[in-house]
C-alpha atoms as a PDB file:
ATOM      1  CA  UNK A   1       0.000   0.000   0.000  1.00  0.00           C
ATOM      2  CA  UNK A   2       1.457   3.352  -1.061  1.00  0.00           C
ATOM      3  CA  UNK A   3       1.235   6.261   1.358  1.00  0.00           C
ATOM      4  CA  UNK A   4       0.029   9.729   0.246  1.00  0.00           C
ATOM      5  CA  UNK A   5       1.722  12.795   1.736  1.00  0.00           C
ATOM      6  CA  UNK A   6      -0.637  14.569   4.156  1.00  0.00           C
ATOM      7  CA  UNK A   7      -0.782  17.872   2.225  1.00  0.00           C
ATOM      8  CA  UNK A   8      -1.436  16.049  -1.020  1.00  0.00           C
ATOM      9  CA  UNK A   9      -4.162  14.009   0.670  1.00  0.00           C
ATOM     10  CA  UNK A  10      -5.975  17.102   1.882  1.00  0.00           C
ATOM     11  CA  UNK A  11      -5.662  18.645  -1.590  1.00  0.00           C
ATOM     12  CA  UNK A  12      -7.217  15.531  -3.114  1.00  0.00           C
ATOM     13  CA  UNK A  13     -10.087  15.584  -0.632  1.00  0.00           C
ATOM     14  CA  UNK A  14     -10.718  19.274  -1.298  1.00  0.00           C
ATOM     15  CA  UNK A  15     -10.738  18.663  -5.049  1.00  0.00           C
ATOM     16  CA  UNK A  16     -13.137  15.743  -4.589  1.00  0.00           C
ATOM     17  CA  UNK A  17     -15.476  17.821  -2.418  1.00  0.00           C
ATOM     18  CA  UNK A  18     -15.481  20.630  -4.962  1.00  0.00           C
ATOM     19  CA  UNK A  19     -16.210  18.173  -7.753  1.00  0.00           C
ATOM     20  CA  UNK A  20     -19.164  16.724  -5.823  1.00  0.00           C
ATOM     21  CA  UNK A  21     -20.778  20.118  -5.153  1.00  0.00           C
ATOM     22  CA  UNK A  22     -23.082  20.974  -8.062  1.00  0.00           C
ATOM     23  CA  UNK A  23     -22.736  24.447  -9.522  1.00  0.00           C
ATOM     24  CA  UNK A  24     -25.714  26.498 -10.687  1.00  0.00           C
ATOM     25  CA  UNK A  25     -24.748  29.390 -12.971  1.00  0.00           C
ATOM     26  CA  UNK A  26     -27.091  32.377 -13.083  1.00  0.00           C
ATOM     27  CA  UNK A  27     -26.721  35.003 -15.800  1.00  0.00           C
ATOM     28  CA  UNK A  28     -28.030  38.356 -14.605  1.00  0.00           C
ATOM     29  CA  UNK A  29     -27.481  42.106 -14.845  1.00  0.00           C
ATOM     30  CA  UNK A  30     -24.810  43.984 -12.923  1.00  0.00           C
ATOM     31  CA  UNK A  31     -26.896  45.623 -10.204  1.00  0.00           C
ATOM     32  CA  UNK A  32     -28.732  42.383  -9.304  1.00  0.00           C
ATOM     33  CA  UNK A  33     -25.485  40.635  -8.353  1.00  0.00           C
ATOM     34  CA  UNK A  34     -23.793  43.675  -6.803  1.00  0.00           C
ATOM     35  CA  UNK A  35     -23.050  43.806  -3.070  1.00  0.00           C
ATOM     36  CA  UNK A  36     -25.986  46.170  -2.542  1.00  0.00           C
ATOM     37  CA  UNK A  37     -28.337  44.211  -4.819  1.00  0.00           C
ATOM     38  CA  UNK A  38     -30.505  41.166  -4.020  1.00  0.00           C
ATOM     39  CA  UNK A  39     -27.965  38.650  -5.352  1.00  0.00           C
ATOM     40  CA  UNK A  40     -25.873  38.081  -2.183  1.00  0.00           C
ATOM     41  CA  UNK A  41     -28.893  37.481   0.082  1.00  0.00           C
ATOM     42  CA  UNK A  42     -30.590  35.245  -2.486  1.00  0.00           C
ATOM     43  CA  UNK A  43     -27.352  33.313  -3.031  1.00  0.00           C
ATOM     44  CA  UNK A  44     -26.911  32.767   0.707  1.00  0.00           C
ATOM     45  CA  UNK A  45     -30.510  31.718   1.256  1.00  0.00           C
ATOM     46  CA  UNK A  46     -30.659  29.327  -1.688  1.00  0.00           C
ATOM     47  CA  UNK A  47     -27.296  27.709  -0.952  1.00  0.00           C
ATOM     48  CA  UNK A  48     -28.467  26.903   2.581  1.00  0.00           C
ATOM     49  CA  UNK A  49     -31.149  24.639   1.124  1.00  0.00           C
ATOM     50  CA  UNK A  50     -29.693  23.395  -2.168  1.00  0.00           C
ATOM     51  CA  UNK A  51     -26.325  21.901  -1.200  1.00  0.00           C
ATOM     52  CA  UNK A  52     -24.934  23.614  -4.272  1.00  0.00           C
ATOM     53  CA  UNK A  53     -22.686  26.468  -5.314  1.00  0.00           C
ATOM     54  CA  UNK A  54     -24.702  29.286  -6.874  1.00  0.00           C
ATOM     55  CA  UNK A  55     -22.626  31.544  -9.107  1.00  0.00           C
ATOM     56  CA  UNK A  56     -23.678  34.811 -10.737  1.00  0.00           C
ATOM     57  CA  UNK A  57     -22.278  35.882 -14.103  1.00  0.00           C
ATOM     58  CA  UNK A  58     -23.130  39.476 -15.031  1.00  0.00           C
ATOM     59  CA  UNK A  59     -23.630  40.982 -18.453  1.00  0.00           C
ATOM     60  CA  UNK A  60     -24.471  44.670 -18.124  1.00  0.00           C
ATOM     61  CA  UNK A  61     -28.180  45.396 -18.428  1.00  0.00           C
ATOM     62  CA  UNK A  62     -31.065  43.200 -19.566  1.00  0.00           C
ATOM     63  CA  UNK A  63     -30.723  43.884 -23.290  1.00  0.00           C
ATOM     64  CA  UNK A  64     -26.989  43.181 -23.095  1.00  0.00           C
ATOM     65  CA  UNK A  65     -27.840  39.962 -21.263  1.00  0.00           C
ATOM     66  CA  UNK A  66     -30.019  38.785 -24.144  1.00  0.00           C
ATOM     67  CA  UNK A  67     -27.340  39.754 -26.669  1.00  0.00           C
ATOM     68  CA  UNK A  68     -24.804  37.592 -24.834  1.00  0.00           C
ATOM     69  CA  UNK A  69     -27.168  34.627 -24.815  1.00  0.00           C
ATOM     70  CA  UNK A  70     -27.846  35.034 -28.518  1.00  0.00           C
ATOM     71  CA  UNK A  71     -24.109  35.045 -29.176  1.00  0.00           C
ATOM     72  CA  UNK A  72     -23.412  31.961 -27.044  1.00  0.00           C
ATOM     73  CA  UNK A  73     -26.422  29.968 -28.202  1.00  0.00           C
ATOM     74  CA  UNK A  74     -26.628  26.373 -26.974  1.00  0.00           C
ATOM     75  CA  UNK A  75     -22.984  26.585 -25.851  1.00  0.00           C
ATOM     76  CA  UNK A  76     -23.938  28.993 -23.050  1.00  0.00           C
ATOM     77  CA  UNK A  77     -22.796  28.129 -19.536  1.00  0.00           C
ATOM     78  CA  UNK A  78     -25.969  29.617 -18.059  1.00  0.00           C
ATOM     79  CA  UNK A  79     -28.431  27.388 -16.217  1.00  0.00           C
ATOM     80  CA  UNK A  80     -30.877  30.183 -15.373  1.00  0.00           C
ATOM     81  CA  UNK A  81     -31.251  33.725 -16.670  1.00  0.00           C
ATOM     82  CA  UNK A  82     -32.539  36.455 -14.346  1.00  0.00           C
ATOM     83  CA  UNK A  83     -33.202  39.955 -15.655  1.00  0.00           C
ATOM     84  CA  UNK A  84     -34.924  39.851 -19.007  1.00  0.00           C
ATOM     85  CA  UNK A  85     -38.280  41.589 -19.143  1.00  0.00           C
ATOM     86  CA  UNK A  86     -41.562  41.255 -20.991  1.00  0.00           C
ATOM     87  CA  UNK A  87     -40.400  43.735 -23.643  1.00  0.00           C
ATOM     88  CA  UNK A  88     -37.643  41.247 -24.554  1.00  0.00           C
ATOM     89  CA  UNK A  89     -39.596  38.031 -23.977  1.00  0.00           C
ATOM     90  CA  UNK A  90     -40.673  37.401 -27.587  1.00  0.00           C
ATOM     91  CA  UNK A  91     -37.148  37.901 -28.900  1.00  0.00           C
ATOM     92  CA  UNK A  92     -35.773  35.684 -26.131  1.00  0.00           C
ATOM     93  CA  UNK A  93     -38.346  32.968 -26.848  1.00  0.00           C
ATOM     94  CA  UNK A  94     -37.405  33.033 -30.538  1.00  0.00           C
ATOM     95  CA  UNK A  95     -33.892  31.841 -29.640  1.00  0.00           C
ATOM     96  CA  UNK A  96     -35.279  28.470 -28.547  1.00  0.00           C
ATOM     97  CA  UNK A  97     -32.837  28.530 -25.620  1.00  0.00           C
ATOM     98  CA  UNK A  98     -35.395  28.353 -22.806  1.00  0.00           C
ATOM     99  CA  UNK A  99     -37.417  25.583 -21.176  1.00  0.00           C
ATOM    100  CA  UNK A 100     -40.851  25.537 -19.527  1.00  0.00           C
ATOM    101  CA  UNK A 101     -40.683  26.408 -15.823  1.00  0.00           C
ATOM    102  CA  UNK A 102     -43.792  24.505 -14.696  1.00  0.00           C
ATOM    103  CA  UNK A 103     -44.504  26.840 -11.771  1.00  0.00           C
ATOM    104  CA  UNK A 104     -47.853  28.498 -10.955  1.00  0.00           C
ATOM    105  CA  UNK A 105     -48.544  32.056 -12.076  1.00  0.00           C
ATOM    106  CA  UNK A 106     -47.485  34.782  -9.659  1.00  0.00           C
ATOM    107  CA  UNK A 107     -50.202  36.741  -7.873  1.00  0.00           C
ATOM    108  CA  UNK A 108     -48.750  40.161  -7.061  1.00  0.00           C
ATOM    109  CA  UNK A 109     -48.743  41.846 -10.482  1.00  0.00           C
ATOM    110  CA  UNK A 110     -51.112  44.731 -11.246  1.00  0.00           C
ATOM    111  CA  UNK A 111     -52.114  42.954 -14.482  1.00  0.00           C
ATOM    112  CA  UNK A 112     -52.588  39.244 -15.320  1.00  0.00           C
ATOM    113  CA  UNK A 113     -49.443  37.624 -16.718  1.00  0.00           C
ATOM    114  CA  UNK A 114     -48.700  33.946 -17.199  1.00  0.00           C
ATOM    115  CA  UNK A 115     -45.993  32.586 -19.501  1.00  0.00           C
ATOM    116  CA  UNK A 116     -44.850  28.978 -19.795  1.00  0.00           C
ATOM    117  CA  UNK A 117     -41.146  29.898 -20.109  1.00  0.00           C
ATOM    118  CA  UNK A 118     -40.674  33.285 -18.453  1.00  0.00           C
ATOM    119  CA  UNK A 119     -41.462  33.618 -14.755  1.00  0.00           C
ATOM    120  CA  UNK A 120     -41.999  37.129 -13.303  1.00  0.00           C
ATOM    121  CA  UNK A 121     -40.084  37.897 -10.122  1.00  0.00           C
ATOM    122  CA  UNK A 122     -40.570  41.674  -9.763  1.00  0.00           C
ATOM    123  CA  UNK A 123     -42.115  44.655 -11.510  1.00  0.00           C
ATOM    124  CA  UNK A 124     -42.257  48.448 -11.579  1.00  0.00           C
ATOM    125  CA  UNK A 125     -43.311  51.513 -13.542  1.00  0.00           C
ATOM    126  CA  UNK A 126     -40.760  53.491 -15.556  1.00  0.00           C
ATOM    127  CA  UNK A 127     -40.599  57.125 -14.470  1.00  0.00           C
ATOM    128  CA  UNK A 128     -38.372  60.181 -14.397  1.00  0.00           C
ATOM    129  CA  UNK A 129     -36.883  60.650 -10.936  1.00  0.00           C
ATOM    130  CA  UNK A 130     -36.019  64.137  -9.672  1.00  0.00           C
ATOM    131  CA  UNK A 131     -35.346  66.098  -6.507  1.00  0.00           C
ATOM    132  CA  UNK A 132     -38.459  67.355  -4.736  1.00  0.00           C
ATOM    133  CA  UNK A 133     -37.153  70.902  -4.979  1.00  0.00           C
ATOM    134  CA  UNK A 134     -37.356  70.854  -8.787  1.00  0.00           C
ATOM    135  CA  UNK A 135     -39.431  73.797 -10.019  1.00  0.00           C
ATOM    136  CA  UNK A 136     -42.387  72.937 -12.268  1.00  0.00           C
ATOM    137  CA  UNK A 137     -41.832  69.212 -12.825  1.00  0.00           C
ATOM    138  CA  UNK A 138     -43.470  68.105 -16.086  1.00  0.00           C
ATOM    139  CA  UNK A 139     -46.780  66.263 -16.181  1.00  0.00           C
ATOM    140  CA  UNK A 140     -46.207  64.605 -19.555  1.00  0.00           C
ATOM    141  CA  UNK A 141     -43.603  64.173 -22.298  1.00  0.00           C
ATOM    142  CA  UNK A 142     -44.774  67.273 -24.165  1.00  0.00           C
ATOM    143  CA  UNK A 143     -44.249  69.483 -21.120  1.00  0.00           C
ATOM    144  CA  UNK A 144     -40.816  67.893 -20.613  1.00  0.00           C
ATOM    145  CA  UNK A 145     -39.878  68.584 -24.239  1.00  0.00           C
ATOM    146  CA  UNK A 146     -41.017  72.208 -23.930  1.00  0.00           C
ATOM    147  CA  UNK A 147     -38.959  72.755 -20.760  1.00  0.00           C
ATOM    148  CA  UNK A 148     -35.282  73.543 -20.194  1.00  0.00           C
ATOM    149  CA  UNK A 149     -34.887  70.516 -17.922  1.00  0.00           C
ATOM    150  CA  UNK A 150     -31.897  68.259 -18.520  1.00  0.00           C
ATOM    151  CA  UNK A 151     -32.393  64.501 -18.464  1.00  0.00           C
ATOM    152  CA  UNK A 152     -30.206  61.400 -18.626  1.00  0.00           C
ATOM    153  CA  UNK A 153     -31.570  58.312 -20.354  1.00  0.00           C
ATOM    154  CA  UNK A 154     -30.296  54.855 -21.294  1.00  0.00           C
ATOM    155  CA  UNK A 155     -29.583  53.302 -24.683  1.00  0.00           C
ATOM    156  CA  UNK A 156     -32.506  51.091 -25.805  1.00  0.00           C
ATOM    157  CA  UNK A 157     -30.100  48.780 -27.616  1.00  0.00           C
ATOM    158  CA  UNK A 158     -28.264  47.782 -24.428  1.00  0.00           C
ATOM    159  CA  UNK A 159     -30.597  48.681 -21.556  1.00  0.00           C
ATOM    160  CA  UNK A 160     -34.047  47.462 -20.571  1.00  0.00           C
ATOM    161  CA  UNK A 161     -35.027  50.877 -19.111  1.00  0.00           C
ATOM    162  CA  UNK A 162     -33.791  52.493 -22.327  1.00  0.00           C
ATOM    163  CA  UNK A 163     -35.930  50.131 -24.383  1.00  0.00           C
ATOM    164  CA  UNK A 164     -38.788  50.717 -21.981  1.00  0.00           C
ATOM    165  CA  UNK A 165     -38.568  54.458 -22.610  1.00  0.00           C
ATOM    166  CA  UNK A 166     -38.825  54.253 -26.403  1.00  0.00           C
ATOM    167  CA  UNK A 167     -41.726  51.792 -26.077  1.00  0.00           C
ATOM    168  CA  UNK A 168     -43.352  54.067 -23.479  1.00  0.00           C
ATOM    169  CA  UNK A 169     -43.257  56.995 -25.908  1.00  0.00           C
ATOM    170  CA  UNK A 170     -44.526  54.754 -28.710  1.00  0.00           C
ATOM    171  CA  UNK A 171     -47.341  53.294 -26.589  1.00  0.00           C
ATOM    172  CA  UNK A 172     -48.428  56.757 -25.430  1.00  0.00           C
ATOM    173  CA  UNK A 173     -48.112  58.692 -28.701  1.00  0.00           C
ATOM    174  CA  UNK A 174     -48.196  56.185 -31.550  1.00  0.00           C
ATOM    175  CA  UNK A 175     -47.417  57.895 -34.856  1.00  0.00           C
ATOM    176  CA  UNK A 176     -46.496  61.096 -32.982  1.00  0.00           C
ATOM    177  CA  UNK A 177     -43.501  59.405 -31.335  1.00  0.00           C
ATOM    178  CA  UNK A 178     -40.916  60.916 -33.780  1.00  0.00           C
ATOM    179  CA  UNK A 179     -42.310  64.378 -32.988  1.00  0.00           C
ATOM    180  CA  UNK A 180     -41.919  63.751 -29.241  1.00  0.00           C
ATOM    181  CA  UNK A 181     -38.304  62.642 -29.709  1.00  0.00           C
ATOM    182  CA  UNK A 182     -37.545  65.718 -31.817  1.00  0.00           C
ATOM    183  CA  UNK A 183     -38.766  67.822 -28.912  1.00  0.00           C
ATOM    184  CA  UNK A 184     -36.843  65.846 -26.295  1.00  0.00           C
ATOM    185  CA  UNK A 185     -33.441  65.709 -27.952  1.00  0.00           C
ATOM    186  CA  UNK A 186     -32.390  69.124 -26.590  1.00  0.00           C
ATOM    187  CA  UNK A 187     -33.231  67.966 -23.069  1.00  0.00           C
ATOM    188  CA  UNK A 188     -30.978  64.914 -23.218  1.00  0.00           C
ATOM    189  CA  UNK A 189     -27.580  65.447 -21.615  1.00  0.00           C
ATOM    190  CA  UNK A 190     -26.318  62.016 -22.617  1.00  0.00           C
ATOM    191  CA  UNK A 191     -27.363  58.452 -23.322  1.00  0.00           C
ATOM    192  CA  UNK A 192     -25.654  55.826 -21.146  1.00  0.00           C
ATOM    193  CA  UNK A 193     -25.240  52.089 -21.834  1.00  0.00           C
ATOM    194  CA  UNK A 194     -27.115  51.098 -18.677  1.00  0.00           C
ATOM    195  CA  UNK A 195     -29.130  52.253 -15.682  1.00  0.00           C
ATOM    196  CA  UNK A 196     -26.265  52.504 -13.155  1.00  0.00           C
ATOM    197  CA  UNK A 197     -24.280  55.050 -15.176  1.00  0.00           C
ATOM    198  CA  UNK A 198     -27.335  57.221 -15.788  1.00  0.00           C
ATOM    199  CA  UNK A 199     -28.501  57.216 -12.176  1.00  0.00           C
ATOM    200  CA  UNK A 200     -24.992  57.992 -10.987  1.00  0.00           C
ATOM    201  CA  UNK A 201     -24.847  61.057 -13.240  1.00  0.00           C
ATOM    202  CA  UNK A 202     -28.159  62.278 -11.826  1.00  0.00           C
ATOM    203  CA  UNK A 203     -26.909  61.866  -8.259  1.00  0.00           C
ATOM    204  CA  UNK A 204     -23.778  63.824  -9.188  1.00  0.00           C
ATOM    205  CA  UNK A 205     -25.990  66.723 -10.261  1.00  0.00           C
ATOM    206  CA  UNK A 206     -25.324  66.410 -13.986  1.00  0.00           C
ATOM    207  CA  UNK A 207     -29.037  66.307 -14.852  1.00  0.00           C
ATOM    208  CA  UNK A 208     -32.363  67.449 -13.415  1.00  0.00           C
ATOM    209  CA  UNK A 209     -34.081  64.115 -14.023  1.00  0.00           C
ATOM    210  CA  UNK A 210     -33.127  60.523 -14.822  1.00  0.00           C
ATOM    211  CA  UNK A 211     -35.063  57.690 -16.389  1.00  0.00           C
ATOM    212  CA  UNK A 212     -35.610  55.130 -13.648  1.00  0.00           C
ATOM    213  CA  UNK A 213     -38.613  53.782 -11.728  1.00  0.00           C
ATOM    214  CA  UNK A 214     -41.323  55.109  -9.411  1.00  0.00           C
ATOM    215  CA  UNK A 215     -39.736  52.887  -6.746  1.00  0.00           C
ATOM    216  CA  UNK A 216     -36.266  54.454  -6.942  1.00  0.00           C
ATOM    217  CA  UNK A 217     -37.040  57.150  -4.317  1.00  0.00           C
ATOM    218  CA  UNK A 218     -37.713  54.324  -1.835  1.00  0.00           C
ATOM    219  CA  UNK A 219     -33.992  53.562  -1.823  1.00  0.00           C
ATOM    220  CA  UNK A 220     -33.119  57.072  -0.711  1.00  0.00           C
ATOM    221  CA  UNK A 221     -35.915  57.112   1.863  1.00  0.00           C
ATOM    222  CA  UNK A 222     -35.268  53.689   3.402  1.00  0.00           C
ATOM    223  CA  UNK A 223     -31.515  53.181   2.931  1.00  0.00           C
ATOM    224  CA  UNK A 224     -30.378  56.792   3.323  1.00  0.00           C
ATOM    225  CA  UNK A 225     -33.195  58.401   5.369  1.00  0.00           C
ATOM    226  CA  UNK A 226     -33.462  60.943   2.547  1.00  0.00           C
ATOM    227  CA  UNK A 227     -36.994  61.911   1.538  1.00  0.00           C
ATOM    228  CA  UNK A 228     -35.814  64.440  -1.031  1.00  0.00           C
ATOM    229  CA  UNK A 229     -36.407  62.348  -4.181  1.00  0.00           C
ATOM    230  CA  UNK A 230     -39.638  61.658  -6.046  1.00  0.00           C
ATOM    231  CA  UNK A 231     -40.819  60.747  -9.536  1.00  0.00           C
ATOM    232  CA  UNK A 232     -42.924  62.738 -11.961  1.00  0.00           C
ATOM    233  CA  UNK A 233     -46.451  61.455 -12.591  1.00  0.00           C
ATOM    234  CA  UNK A 234     -47.240  61.620 -16.312  1.00  0.00           C
ATOM    235  CA  UNK A 235     -50.781  62.155 -17.603  1.00  0.00           C
ATOM    236  CA  UNK A 236     -50.398  59.709 -20.469  1.00  0.00           C
ATOM    237  CA  UNK A 237     -49.622  56.873 -18.073  1.00  0.00           C
ATOM    238  CA  UNK A 238     -46.467  54.932 -17.238  1.00  0.00           C
ATOM    239  CA  UNK A 239     -45.155  51.852 -18.977  1.00  0.00           C
ATOM    240  CA  UNK A 240     -45.077  48.801 -16.742  1.00  0.00           C
ATOM    241  CA  UNK A 241     -41.928  46.667 -16.659  1.00  0.00           C
ATOM    242  CA  UNK A 242     -42.181  43.051 -15.535  1.00  0.00           C
ATOM    243  CA  UNK A 243     -38.813  41.386 -14.966  1.00  0.00           C
ATOM    244  CA  UNK A 244     -38.604  37.662 -15.631  1.00  0.00           C
ATOM    245  CA  UNK A 245     -36.370  34.665 -15.003  1.00  0.00           C
ATOM    246  CA  UNK A 246     -36.102  31.530 -17.120  1.00  0.00           C
ATOM    247  CA  UNK A 247     -34.486  28.104 -17.160  1.00  0.00           C
ATOM    248  CA  UNK A 248     -32.025  27.469 -19.990  1.00  0.00           C
ATOM    249  CA  UNK A 249     -33.003  24.355 -21.939  1.00  0.00           C
ATOM    250  CA  UNK A 250     -29.406  23.104 -22.196  1.00  0.00           C
ATOM    251  CA  UNK A 251     -28.767  23.232 -18.436  1.00  0.00           C
ATOM    252  CA  UNK A 252     -26.998  20.276 -16.896  1.00  0.00           C
ATOM    253  CA  UNK A 253     -28.764  21.035 -13.593  1.00  0.00           C
ATOM    254  CA  UNK A 254     -32.486  21.051 -14.477  1.00  0.00           C
ATOM    255  CA  UNK A 255     -33.698  20.098 -10.979  1.00  0.00           C
ATOM    256  CA  UNK A 256     -31.555  22.790  -9.343  1.00  0.00           C
ATOM    257  CA  UNK A 257     -32.715  25.337 -11.914  1.00  0.00           C
ATOM    258  CA  UNK A 258     -36.344  24.525 -11.113  1.00  0.00           C
ATOM    259  CA  UNK A 259     -35.619  24.775  -7.390  1.00  0.00           C
ATOM    260  CA  UNK A 260     -33.988  28.162  -7.861  1.00  0.00           C
ATOM    261  CA  UNK A 261     -36.953  29.570  -9.792  1.00  0.00           C
ATOM    262  CA  UNK A 262     -39.279  28.339  -7.047  1.00  0.00           C
ATOM    263  CA  UNK A 263     -37.034  29.969  -4.422  1.00  0.00           C
ATOM    264  CA  UNK A 264     -36.864  33.243  -6.389  1.00  0.00           C
ATOM    265  CA  UNK A 265     -40.643  33.575  -6.332  1.00  0.00           C
ATOM    266  CA  UNK A 266     -40.991  32.310  -2.752  1.00  0.00           C
ATOM    267  CA  UNK A 267     -41.415  34.408   0.373  1.00  0.00           C
ATOM    268  CA  UNK A 268     -37.741  34.514   1.392  1.00  0.00           C
ATOM    269  CA  UNK A 269     -36.469  35.967  -1.901  1.00  0.00           C
ATOM    270  CA  UNK A 270     -39.540  38.103  -2.578  1.00  0.00           C
ATOM    271  CA  UNK A 271     -39.153  39.820   0.788  1.00  0.00           C
ATOM    272  CA  UNK A 272     -35.565  40.742  -0.141  1.00  0.00           C
ATOM    273  CA  UNK A 273     -36.343  42.352  -3.514  1.00  0.00           C
ATOM    274  CA  UNK A 274     -38.152  45.568  -2.447  1.00  0.00           C
ATOM    275  CA  UNK A 275     -35.171  46.882  -0.459  1.00  0.00           C
ATOM    276  CA  UNK A 276     -32.348  45.533  -2.633  1.00  0.00           C
ATOM    277  CA  UNK A 277     -33.629  45.593  -6.208  1.00  0.00           C
ATOM    278  CA  UNK A 278     -36.003  48.439  -5.314  1.00  0.00           C
ATOM    279  CA  UNK A 279     -38.906  47.037  -7.294  1.00  0.00           C
ATOM    280  CA  UNK A 280     -42.310  45.625  -6.373  1.00  0.00           C
ATOM    281  CA  UNK A 281     -42.247  41.846  -5.692  1.00  0.00           C
ATOM    282  CA  UNK A 282     -44.157  39.554  -8.044  1.00  0.00           C
ATOM    283  CA  UNK A 283     -45.642  37.725  -5.044  1.00  0.00           C
ATOM    284  CA  UNK A 284     -46.465  39.952  -2.091  1.00  0.00           C
ATOM    285  CA  UNK A 285     -44.390  38.740   0.904  1.00  0.00           C
ATOM    286  CA  UNK A 286     -46.225  37.617   4.025  1.00  0.00           C
ATOM    287  CA  UNK A 287     -44.858  40.680   5.859  1.00  0.00           C
ATOM    288  CA  UNK A 288     -46.146  43.031   3.149  1.00  0.00           C
ATOM    289  CA  UNK A 289     -44.202  45.902   1.601  1.00  0.00           C
ATOM    290  CA  UNK A 290     -41.636  47.827   3.660  1.00  0.00           C
ATOM    291  CA  UNK A 291     -42.702  51.109   5.279  1.00  0.00           C
ATOM    292  CA  UNK A 292     -42.026  53.923   2.828  1.00  0.00           C
ATOM    293  CA  UNK A 293     -43.438  52.215  -0.249  1.00  0.00           C
ATOM    294  CA  UNK A 294     -46.810  53.786   0.489  1.00  0.00           C
ATOM    295  CA  UNK A 295     -45.269  57.214  -0.215  1.00  0.00           C
ATOM    296  CA  UNK A 296     -44.300  56.403  -3.810  1.00  0.00           C
ATOM    297  CA  UNK A 297     -45.908  57.863  -6.925  1.00  0.00           C
ATOM    298  CA  UNK A 298     -48.869  55.765  -8.068  1.00  0.00           C
ATOM    299  CA  UNK A 299     -49.532  56.223 -11.789  1.00  0.00           C
ATOM    300  CA  UNK A 300     -53.135  56.863 -12.710  1.00  0.00           C
ATOM    301  CA  UNK A 301     -52.758  54.662 -15.783  1.00  0.00           C
ATOM    302  CA  UNK A 302     -50.566  51.629 -16.530  1.00  0.00           C
ATOM    303  CA  UNK A 303     -49.349  51.027 -20.070  1.00  0.00           C
ATOM    304  CA  UNK A 304     -48.357  47.443 -20.842  1.00  0.00           C
ATOM    305  CA  UNK A 305     -47.345  45.967 -24.162  1.00  0.00           C
ATOM    306  CA  UNK A 306     -47.661  42.229 -24.633  1.00  0.00           C
ATOM    307  CA  UNK A 307     -44.469  40.392 -25.599  1.00  0.00           C
ATOM    308  CA  UNK A 308     -45.655  40.199 -29.206  1.00  0.00           C
ATOM    309  CA  UNK A 309     -46.651  43.884 -29.304  1.00  0.00           C
ATOM    310  CA  UNK A 310     -43.282  44.923 -27.865  1.00  0.00           C
ATOM    311  CA  UNK A 311     -41.453  42.756 -30.424  1.00  0.00           C
ATOM    312  CA  UNK A 312     -43.487  44.239 -33.274  1.00  0.00           C
ATOM    313  CA  UNK A 313     -42.830  47.836 -32.177  1.00  0.00           C
ATOM    314  CA  UNK A 314     -39.264  47.531 -30.946  1.00  0.00           C
ATOM    315  CA  UNK A 315     -37.270  48.122 -34.143  1.00  0.00           C
ATOM    316  CA  UNK A 316     -39.380  51.047 -35.360  1.00  0.00           C
ATOM    317  CA  UNK A 317     -39.427  52.663 -31.906  1.00  0.00           C
ATOM    318  CA  UNK A 318     -35.644  52.429 -31.573  1.00  0.00           C
ATOM    319  CA  UNK A 319     -35.169  53.741 -35.114  1.00  0.00           C
ATOM    320  CA  UNK A 320     -37.395  56.761 -34.422  1.00  0.00           C
ATOM    321  CA  UNK A 321     -35.349  57.508 -31.307  1.00  0.00           C
ATOM    322  CA  UNK A 322     -32.041  57.078 -33.163  1.00  0.00           C
ATOM    323  CA  UNK A 323     -33.098  59.226 -36.124  1.00  0.00           C
ATOM    324  CA  UNK A 324     -34.222  62.096 -33.892  1.00  0.00           C
ATOM    325  CA  UNK A 325     -31.019  62.136 -31.846  1.00  0.00           C
ATOM    326  CA  UNK A 326     -28.827  61.855 -34.946  1.00  0.00           C
ATOM    327  CA  UNK A 327     -30.133  65.100 -36.451  1.00  0.00           C
END
């Protein structure tokens, strides 16, 4: 019998243990997996029950996430994708990369939504966030275009909020959308690749308003004890964003992927989302919403495009935006 040096023996055991621990790879957007986002708490909670190693791989914003998946195809290392939205769902479904989740429909959305592949985990209304001291905040896009206010927005080709904005304008104004963009172009300080860059510029005082969500002021109120932020309520209504997660069909860990999706929409994860992702949960937690959410802007009208409607309008809406800003 040959002896194994002690250090080498421990190394072998460690390697064996690592090999026996299943890994679940989650593709998501940057802010979800950041230290201040919901990722760390969700990772900790799920790993306590799964006996696995959950790993996040980030790819910018939601639109950039889909672009990466399209590039990788069936060779992707992802088991689950978290961070697409209903405006991207039809394009994502067309890739054939996703599998049926088999879970019941969520119950906390303001509108009915049930999809066999894409499972909602949170939602919110797009809005322009500003300081409460802002003089004469606009009540619609036309008033914003007629003002001298400076705004920061996101690129619809790489950002889900950016795409949401061009679809919001299209849903609200239809054929008048190019006219609205012509009016807005002088208000736009810059267009950023994703949400984080744009919101950071707003906080640095480089713009009067930033495209974000009605829930964004809750962060400042709850995390910073700062009640100085709010969002403008627009007469034409606010486009609703529903964020979704999905199992990748080629996953080598289908049971773990299913378990993760169930955990993501369960009480433990849903109670984390309002104060980390700063969105409304898809299933209302047993403890309800955190204090402070009752102070947020409540749009008088919700605009929601179905996945097919969003897919049909996407290219023309982006082109109208691009043409106006290029002039």
